[in-house]
Amino acid sequence: MTHISSSRPIPSKHRLALLMLLVIYPFVTAILYVLMPLTEGWPIWARTALLAPIMVLSIVYGIAPAIQKHFAWFILRQPRLVA
C-alpha cells in the first residue's frame, strides 16, 4: 500500500462543492428555461430523461474540468499563481 506524502495538498471538498454549486445552479436553471417550453405537456420523467444526460455530460466533460483547471489553487488552499 502506498502512503501519500504529507507535503501533497489535500483538496477541500467544501470549496469544490461551493464552486460546483455556484456554476451548476445557473447552468441547470438556464437549461430548464430552454427545455420547459419545448417539453410542455411532457410527463416529469420524460423531461428528466432529457435533462439528466445534458447535465451529466456537461458537468463531467466541461464544467468540472474547467473548475479544476481555473480554481485548483482555491480547492487546494494554495496561493494563486499568476502567470
N, C-alpha and C. Protein backbone atom coordinates (compact mmCIF):
# COMPACT_ATOMS: atom_id res chain seq x y z
N MET A 1 0.86 -1.17 0.00
CA MET A 1 0.00 0.00 0.00
C MET A 1 0.91 1.24 0.00
N THR A 2 0.58 2.21 -0.81
CA THR A 2 1.39 3.42 -0.88
C THR A 2 0.87 4.45 0.11
N HIS A 3 1.80 5.28 0.58
CA HIS A 3 1.45 6.35 1.51
C HIS A 3 1.55 7.69 0.79
N ILE A 4 0.58 8.53 1.00
CA ILE A 4 0.58 9.86 0.40
C ILE A 4 1.53 10.74 1.18
N SER A 5 2.36 11.46 0.45
CA SER A 5 3.32 12.36 1.09
C SER A 5 2.58 13.46 1.84
N SER A 6 3.11 13.82 2.99
CA SER A 6 2.47 14.86 3.80
C SER A 6 2.61 16.24 3.17
N SER A 7 3.52 16.38 2.18
CA SER A 7 3.70 17.68 1.53
C SER A 7 2.68 17.91 0.41
N ARG A 8 1.96 16.88 0.04
CA ARG A 8 0.95 17.00 -1.01
C ARG A 8 -0.32 17.63 -0.45
N PRO A 9 -0.81 18.71 -1.08
CA PRO A 9 -2.01 19.36 -0.54
C PRO A 9 -3.26 18.49 -0.66
N ILE A 10 -4.12 18.61 0.32
CA ILE A 10 -5.38 17.85 0.33
C ILE A 10 -6.49 18.76 -0.17
N PRO A 11 -7.19 18.35 -1.24
CA PRO A 11 -8.27 19.20 -1.77
C PRO A 11 -9.39 19.40 -0.75
N SER A 12 -9.97 20.58 -0.77
CA SER A 12 -11.10 20.89 0.10
C SER A 12 -12.40 20.54 -0.61
N LYS A 13 -13.10 19.55 -0.10
CA LYS A 13 -14.38 19.16 -0.70
C LYS A 13 -15.42 20.26 -0.53
N HIS A 14 -15.31 21.00 0.56
CA HIS A 14 -16.26 22.09 0.80
C HIS A 14 -16.09 23.20 -0.25
N ARG A 15 -14.86 23.53 -0.54
CA ARG A 15 -14.60 24.57 -1.55
C ARG A 15 -15.02 24.11 -2.94
N LEU A 16 -14.72 22.85 -3.26
CA LEU A 16 -15.13 22.30 -4.55
C LEU A 16 -16.65 22.29 -4.67
N ALA A 17 -17.33 21.89 -3.61
CA ALA A 17 -18.80 21.86 -3.61
C ALA A 17 -19.37 23.26 -3.81
N LEU A 18 -18.77 24.26 -3.15
CA LEU A 18 -19.23 25.63 -3.30
C LEU A 18 -19.07 26.11 -4.74
N LEU A 19 -17.92 25.87 -5.33
CA LEU A 19 -17.70 26.27 -6.73
C LEU A 19 -18.66 25.56 -7.67
N MET A 20 -18.83 24.26 -7.46
CA MET A 20 -19.74 23.49 -8.33
C MET A 20 -21.17 24.04 -8.21
N LEU A 21 -21.60 24.35 -7.00
CA LEU A 21 -22.93 24.91 -6.81
C LEU A 21 -23.08 26.25 -7.51
N LEU A 22 -22.07 27.11 -7.37
CA LEU A 22 -22.13 28.44 -7.99
C LEU A 22 -22.19 28.37 -9.52
N VAL A 23 -21.61 27.34 -10.11
CA VAL A 23 -21.61 27.21 -11.57
C VAL A 23 -22.80 26.39 -12.05
N ILE A 24 -23.09 25.29 -11.37
CA ILE A 24 -24.10 24.36 -11.87
C ILE A 24 -25.52 24.88 -11.67
N TYR A 25 -25.79 25.58 -10.58
CA TYR A 25 -27.15 26.10 -10.37
C TYR A 25 -27.62 26.99 -11.53
N PRO A 26 -26.86 28.01 -11.92
CA PRO A 26 -27.33 28.82 -13.05
C PRO A 26 -27.36 28.03 -14.37
N PHE A 27 -26.43 27.08 -14.52
CA PHE A 27 -26.41 26.26 -15.73
C PHE A 27 -27.69 25.42 -15.85
N VAL A 28 -28.06 24.74 -14.77
CA VAL A 28 -29.27 23.92 -14.78
C VAL A 28 -30.51 24.80 -14.96
N THR A 29 -30.52 25.96 -14.32
CA THR A 29 -31.65 26.88 -14.47
C THR A 29 -31.80 27.31 -15.92
N ALA A 30 -30.70 27.62 -16.58
CA ALA A 30 -30.74 28.02 -17.98
C ALA A 30 -31.25 26.88 -18.87
N ILE A 31 -30.79 25.67 -18.59
CA ILE A 31 -31.28 24.52 -19.36
C ILE A 31 -32.79 24.35 -19.18
N LEU A 32 -33.26 24.52 -17.96
CA LEU A 32 -34.70 24.39 -17.70
C LEU A 32 -35.50 25.46 -18.44
N TYR A 33 -34.98 26.70 -18.49
CA TYR A 33 -35.67 27.75 -19.23
C TYR A 33 -35.79 27.41 -20.71
N VAL A 34 -34.78 26.74 -21.24
CA VAL A 34 -34.82 26.35 -22.66
C VAL A 34 -35.74 25.14 -22.87
N LEU A 35 -35.62 24.15 -22.00
CA LEU A 35 -36.36 22.90 -22.19
C LEU A 35 -37.83 22.97 -21.82
N MET A 36 -38.20 23.77 -20.85
CA MET A 36 -39.59 23.78 -20.39
C MET A 36 -40.58 24.11 -21.51
N PRO A 37 -40.35 25.16 -22.29
CA PRO A 37 -41.31 25.43 -23.37
C PRO A 37 -41.30 24.34 -24.46
N LEU A 38 -40.14 23.72 -24.67
CA LEU A 38 -40.04 22.69 -25.70
C LEU A 38 -40.68 21.37 -25.27
N THR A 39 -40.81 21.18 -23.96
CA THR A 39 -41.35 19.92 -23.44
C THR A 39 -42.66 20.13 -22.70
N GLU A 40 -43.36 21.19 -23.04
CA GLU A 40 -44.64 21.47 -22.38
C GLU A 40 -45.61 20.30 -22.59
N GLY A 41 -46.19 19.85 -21.50
CA GLY A 41 -47.13 18.74 -21.56
C GLY A 41 -46.47 17.37 -21.39
N TRP A 42 -45.15 17.33 -21.37
CA TRP A 42 -44.46 16.05 -21.18
C TRP A 42 -44.56 15.64 -19.72
N PRO A 43 -44.59 14.35 -19.42
CA PRO A 43 -44.53 13.92 -18.02
C PRO A 43 -43.15 14.25 -17.45
N ILE A 44 -43.09 14.37 -16.15
CA ILE A 44 -41.85 14.78 -15.49
C ILE A 44 -40.72 13.79 -15.75
N TRP A 45 -41.03 12.50 -15.83
CA TRP A 45 -39.98 11.51 -16.06
C TRP A 45 -39.34 11.70 -17.44
N ALA A 46 -40.12 12.12 -18.42
CA ALA A 46 -39.59 12.33 -19.77
C ALA A 46 -38.71 13.58 -19.81
N ARG A 47 -39.13 14.63 -19.11
CA ARG A 47 -38.31 15.84 -19.02
C ARG A 47 -36.98 15.52 -18.35
N THR A 48 -37.05 14.76 -17.26
CA THR A 48 -35.84 14.38 -16.54
C THR A 48 -34.93 13.51 -17.41
N ALA A 49 -35.52 12.61 -18.19
CA ALA A 49 -34.73 11.75 -19.08
C ALA A 49 -33.99 12.57 -20.13
N LEU A 50 -34.53 13.69 -20.52
CA LEU A 50 -33.86 14.58 -21.46
C LEU A 50 -32.84 15.47 -20.76
N LEU A 51 -33.19 15.96 -19.60
CA LEU A 51 -32.33 16.89 -18.87
C LEU A 51 -31.09 16.22 -18.28
N ALA A 52 -31.24 15.03 -17.70
CA ALA A 52 -30.14 14.37 -16.99
C ALA A 52 -28.90 14.13 -17.86
N PRO A 53 -29.02 13.58 -19.06
CA PRO A 53 -27.80 13.38 -19.87
C PRO A 53 -27.13 14.69 -20.26
N ILE A 54 -27.90 15.72 -20.52
CA ILE A 54 -27.33 17.02 -20.86
C ILE A 54 -26.52 17.54 -19.67
N MET A 55 -27.10 17.46 -18.49
CA MET A 55 -26.41 17.94 -17.28
C MET A 55 -25.16 17.12 -16.99
N VAL A 56 -25.30 15.82 -16.98
CA VAL A 56 -24.18 14.95 -16.60
C VAL A 56 -23.02 15.11 -17.57
N LEU A 57 -23.27 15.07 -18.86
CA LEU A 57 -22.20 15.21 -19.84
C LEU A 57 -21.54 16.58 -19.76
N SER A 58 -22.34 17.61 -19.57
CA SER A 58 -21.79 18.96 -19.45
C SER A 58 -20.92 19.11 -18.21
N ILE A 59 -21.36 18.54 -17.11
CA ILE A 59 -20.60 18.63 -15.87
C ILE A 59 -19.30 17.82 -15.96
N VAL A 60 -19.40 16.58 -16.44
CA VAL A 60 -18.23 15.70 -16.47
C VAL A 60 -17.19 16.16 -17.48
N TYR A 61 -17.63 16.59 -18.67
CA TYR A 61 -16.68 16.92 -19.73
C TYR A 61 -16.41 18.42 -19.88
N GLY A 62 -17.17 19.26 -19.22
CA GLY A 62 -16.98 20.69 -19.39
C GLY A 62 -16.78 21.45 -18.10
N ILE A 63 -17.78 21.43 -17.25
CA ILE A 63 -17.77 22.27 -16.05
C ILE A 63 -16.72 21.83 -15.03
N ALA A 64 -16.71 20.55 -14.67
CA ALA A 64 -15.76 20.08 -13.65
C ALA A 64 -14.30 20.26 -14.09
N PRO A 65 -13.93 19.89 -15.32
CA PRO A 65 -12.54 20.14 -15.73
C PRO A 65 -12.19 21.62 -15.74
N ALA A 66 -13.11 22.47 -16.15
CA ALA A 66 -12.83 23.91 -16.17
C ALA A 66 -12.64 24.45 -14.76
N ILE A 67 -13.46 24.00 -13.83
CA ILE A 67 -13.32 24.43 -12.43
C ILE A 67 -11.99 23.95 -11.87
N GLN A 68 -11.63 22.71 -12.14
CA GLN A 68 -10.36 22.18 -11.64
C GLN A 68 -9.17 22.90 -12.26
N LYS A 69 -9.27 23.26 -13.51
CA LYS A 69 -8.17 23.95 -14.18
C LYS A 69 -8.00 25.38 -13.66
N HIS A 70 -9.10 26.11 -13.56
CA HIS A 70 -9.02 27.53 -13.21
C HIS A 70 -9.05 27.82 -11.71
N PHE A 71 -9.55 26.89 -10.92
CA PHE A 71 -9.67 27.14 -9.48
C PHE A 71 -8.97 26.10 -8.62
N ALA A 72 -7.99 25.40 -9.18
CA ALA A 72 -7.25 24.40 -8.40
C ALA A 72 -6.60 25.04 -7.19
N TRP A 73 -6.09 26.24 -7.36
CA TRP A 73 -5.44 26.95 -6.25
C TRP A 73 -6.40 27.16 -5.08
N PHE A 74 -7.67 27.42 -5.38
CA PHE A 74 -8.67 27.65 -4.34
C PHE A 74 -9.07 26.32 -3.69
N ILE A 75 -9.25 25.29 -4.49
CA ILE A 75 -9.64 23.98 -3.98
C ILE A 75 -8.53 23.36 -3.14
N LEU A 76 -7.28 23.58 -3.55
CA LEU A 76 -6.13 23.02 -2.83
C LEU A 76 -5.63 23.92 -1.70
N ARG A 77 -6.30 25.06 -1.51
CA ARG A 77 -5.95 26.00 -0.44
C ARG A 77 -4.51 26.52 -0.60
N GLN A 78 -4.14 26.88 -1.82
CA GLN A 78 -2.81 27.40 -2.10
C GLN A 78 -2.93 28.82 -2.62
N PRO A 79 -1.85 29.58 -2.51
CA PRO A 79 -1.87 30.94 -3.08
C PRO A 79 -2.04 30.86 -4.59
N ARG A 80 -2.73 31.81 -5.14
CA ARG A 80 -2.97 31.85 -6.58
C ARG A 80 -1.68 32.27 -7.28
N LEU A 81 -1.28 31.48 -8.28
CA LEU A 81 -0.09 31.78 -9.07
C LEU A 81 -0.51 32.49 -10.33
N VAL A 82 -0.09 33.72 -10.49
CA VAL A 82 -0.44 34.49 -11.68
C VAL A 82 0.71 34.38 -12.65
N ALA A 83 0.40 33.91 -13.86
CA ALA A 83 1.45 33.73 -14.88
C ALA A 83 1.49 34.89 -15.83
